[in-house]
Amino acid sequence: AMINWKNADENELLLLDSIKFLLKNHQKLLIFLLHPSKPRLNGDPQALLQDASCFSSGEYLLIQIAIDFWDGSGNAKLVDIYSILDRNIYLRLLKVIDRLKWKAINSSSYGRFN
């Protein structure tokens, strides 16, 4: 079940790339969160958060973070980020934030995550 957005603009593709990178070992969360073929979430952000309340605390936090990247309504807390996330995901998150910040400052092409 690959996510392949048609007719997405550059910013939407950057968000998709960022969220895929953050959730790269969490295919279930990607499928839960993102529409498979259109550049949008699989539903209203607040409804998605409600539906994700049965997930583990780490998975729920990742959904919050991804929704924060999407539209700012995920309400992830910094204390949760450094106390709940394992180091590998935490470092990926920092890479995503750095990439998005750099992109916001410098509107030329941003390259790919690796």
Protein backbone atom coordinates (compact mmCIF):
# COMPACT_ATOMS: atom_id res chain seq x y z
CA ALA A 1 0.00 0.00 0.00
CA MET A 2 2.24 2.75 -1.28
CA ILE A 3 1.32 6.39 -0.88
CA ASN A 4 1.64 8.09 -4.25
CA TRP A 5 0.10 11.55 -4.41
CA LYS A 6 -1.03 12.73 -7.82
CA ASN A 7 -1.19 16.47 -8.61
CA ALA A 8 0.59 17.44 -5.39
CA ASP A 9 2.49 20.73 -5.31
CA GLU A 10 6.08 21.11 -4.12
CA ASN A 11 5.10 21.96 -0.54
CA GLU A 12 2.74 19.00 -0.31
CA LEU A 13 5.47 16.70 -1.65
CA LEU A 14 7.91 18.11 0.90
CA LEU A 15 5.39 17.40 3.68
CA LEU A 16 4.79 13.90 2.34
CA ASP A 17 8.53 13.23 2.16
CA SER A 18 8.97 14.59 5.69
CA ILE A 19 6.16 12.53 7.21
CA LYS A 20 7.28 9.37 5.35
CA PHE A 21 10.82 9.88 6.63
CA LEU A 22 9.60 10.40 10.21
CA LEU A 23 7.32 7.34 10.08
CA LYS A 24 9.54 5.15 7.89
CA ASN A 25 9.38 2.16 10.26
CA HIS A 26 5.69 2.72 11.01
CA GLN A 27 3.86 1.78 7.81
CA LYS A 28 0.62 1.30 9.79
CA LEU A 29 0.72 4.93 10.93
CA LEU A 30 1.38 6.22 7.39
CA ILE A 31 -1.60 4.29 6.06
CA PHE A 32 -3.75 5.48 8.97
CA LEU A 33 -2.78 9.12 8.50
CA LEU A 34 -2.34 9.86 4.80
CA HIS A 35 -4.66 9.47 1.84
CA PRO A 36 -3.07 6.98 -0.61
CA SER A 37 -3.48 9.04 -3.80
CA LYS A 38 -4.51 12.62 -2.92
CA PRO A 39 -2.46 15.23 -1.05
CA ARG A 40 -4.50 15.19 2.13
CA LEU A 41 -4.98 13.47 5.45
CA ASN A 42 -7.33 10.52 5.75
CA GLY A 43 -9.81 12.66 7.64
CA ASP A 44 -10.30 15.60 9.93
CA PRO A 45 -7.19 16.05 12.12
CA GLN A 46 -9.17 16.02 15.37
CA ALA A 47 -11.06 12.88 14.34
CA LEU A 48 -7.74 11.20 13.45
CA LEU A 49 -6.34 12.10 16.88
CA GLN A 50 -9.48 10.67 18.49
CA ASP A 51 -9.14 7.45 16.47
CA ALA A 52 -5.44 7.23 17.36
CA SER A 53 -6.12 7.36 21.11
CA CYS A 54 -5.97 3.54 21.26
CA PHE A 55 -2.39 3.54 19.88
CA SER A 56 0.70 3.34 22.10
CA SER A 57 1.90 6.64 23.58
CA GLY A 58 4.81 6.71 21.10
CA GLU A 59 2.58 6.04 18.10
CA TYR A 60 0.05 8.63 19.25
CA LEU A 61 2.83 11.19 19.65
CA LEU A 62 4.07 10.48 16.11
CA ILE A 63 0.54 11.08 14.79
CA GLN A 64 0.41 14.36 16.76
CA ILE A 65 3.76 15.45 15.30
CA ALA A 66 2.74 14.55 11.74
CA ILE A 67 -0.51 16.51 12.13
CA ASP A 68 1.49 19.43 13.53
CA PHE A 69 3.60 19.38 10.38
CA TRP A 70 0.41 19.22 8.32
CA ASP A 71 -1.59 22.09 9.82
CA GLY A 72 -0.34 22.84 13.34
CA SER A 73 -3.28 21.21 15.12
CA GLY A 74 -1.58 18.08 16.51
CA ASN A 75 -0.56 19.72 19.79
CA ALA A 76 2.55 17.59 20.33
CA LYS A 77 4.36 18.68 23.51
CA LEU A 78 8.11 19.17 23.68
CA VAL A 79 8.30 17.28 26.99
CA ASP A 80 6.67 14.26 25.30
CA ILE A 81 9.04 14.49 22.34
CA TYR A 82 12.18 14.19 24.46
CA SER A 83 10.73 11.78 27.04
CA ILE A 84 8.73 9.35 24.84
CA LEU A 85 10.46 9.10 21.45
CA ASP A 86 13.34 6.67 21.09
CA ARG A 87 16.63 8.19 19.99
CA ASN A 88 16.46 7.11 16.33
CA ILE A 89 13.03 8.65 15.79
CA TYR A 90 14.01 11.72 17.79
CA LEU A 91 17.04 12.26 15.53
CA ARG A 92 14.89 11.75 12.41
CA LEU A 93 12.46 14.34 13.78
CA LEU A 94 15.29 16.85 14.25
CA LYS A 95 16.38 16.21 10.66
CA VAL A 96 12.82 16.84 9.42
CA ILE A 97 12.52 20.07 11.44
CA ASP A 98 15.89 21.24 10.13
CA ARG A 99 14.90 20.44 6.54
CA LEU A 100 11.57 22.27 6.84
CA LYS A 101 13.23 25.26 8.52
CA TRP A 102 15.92 25.43 5.84
CA LYS A 103 13.23 25.18 3.15
CA ALA A 104 11.26 28.01 4.76
CA ILE A 105 14.35 30.25 4.67
CA ASN A 106 15.68 29.17 1.29
CA SER A 107 13.00 28.45 -1.28
CA SER A 108 15.30 26.65 -3.73
CA SER A 109 15.15 22.86 -4.05
CA TYR A 110 15.56 20.96 -0.81
CA GLY A 111 16.96 17.57 -1.86
CA ARG A 112 15.87 14.23 -0.43
CA PHE A 113 16.14 12.59 2.96
CA ASN A 114 18.61 9.77 3.15
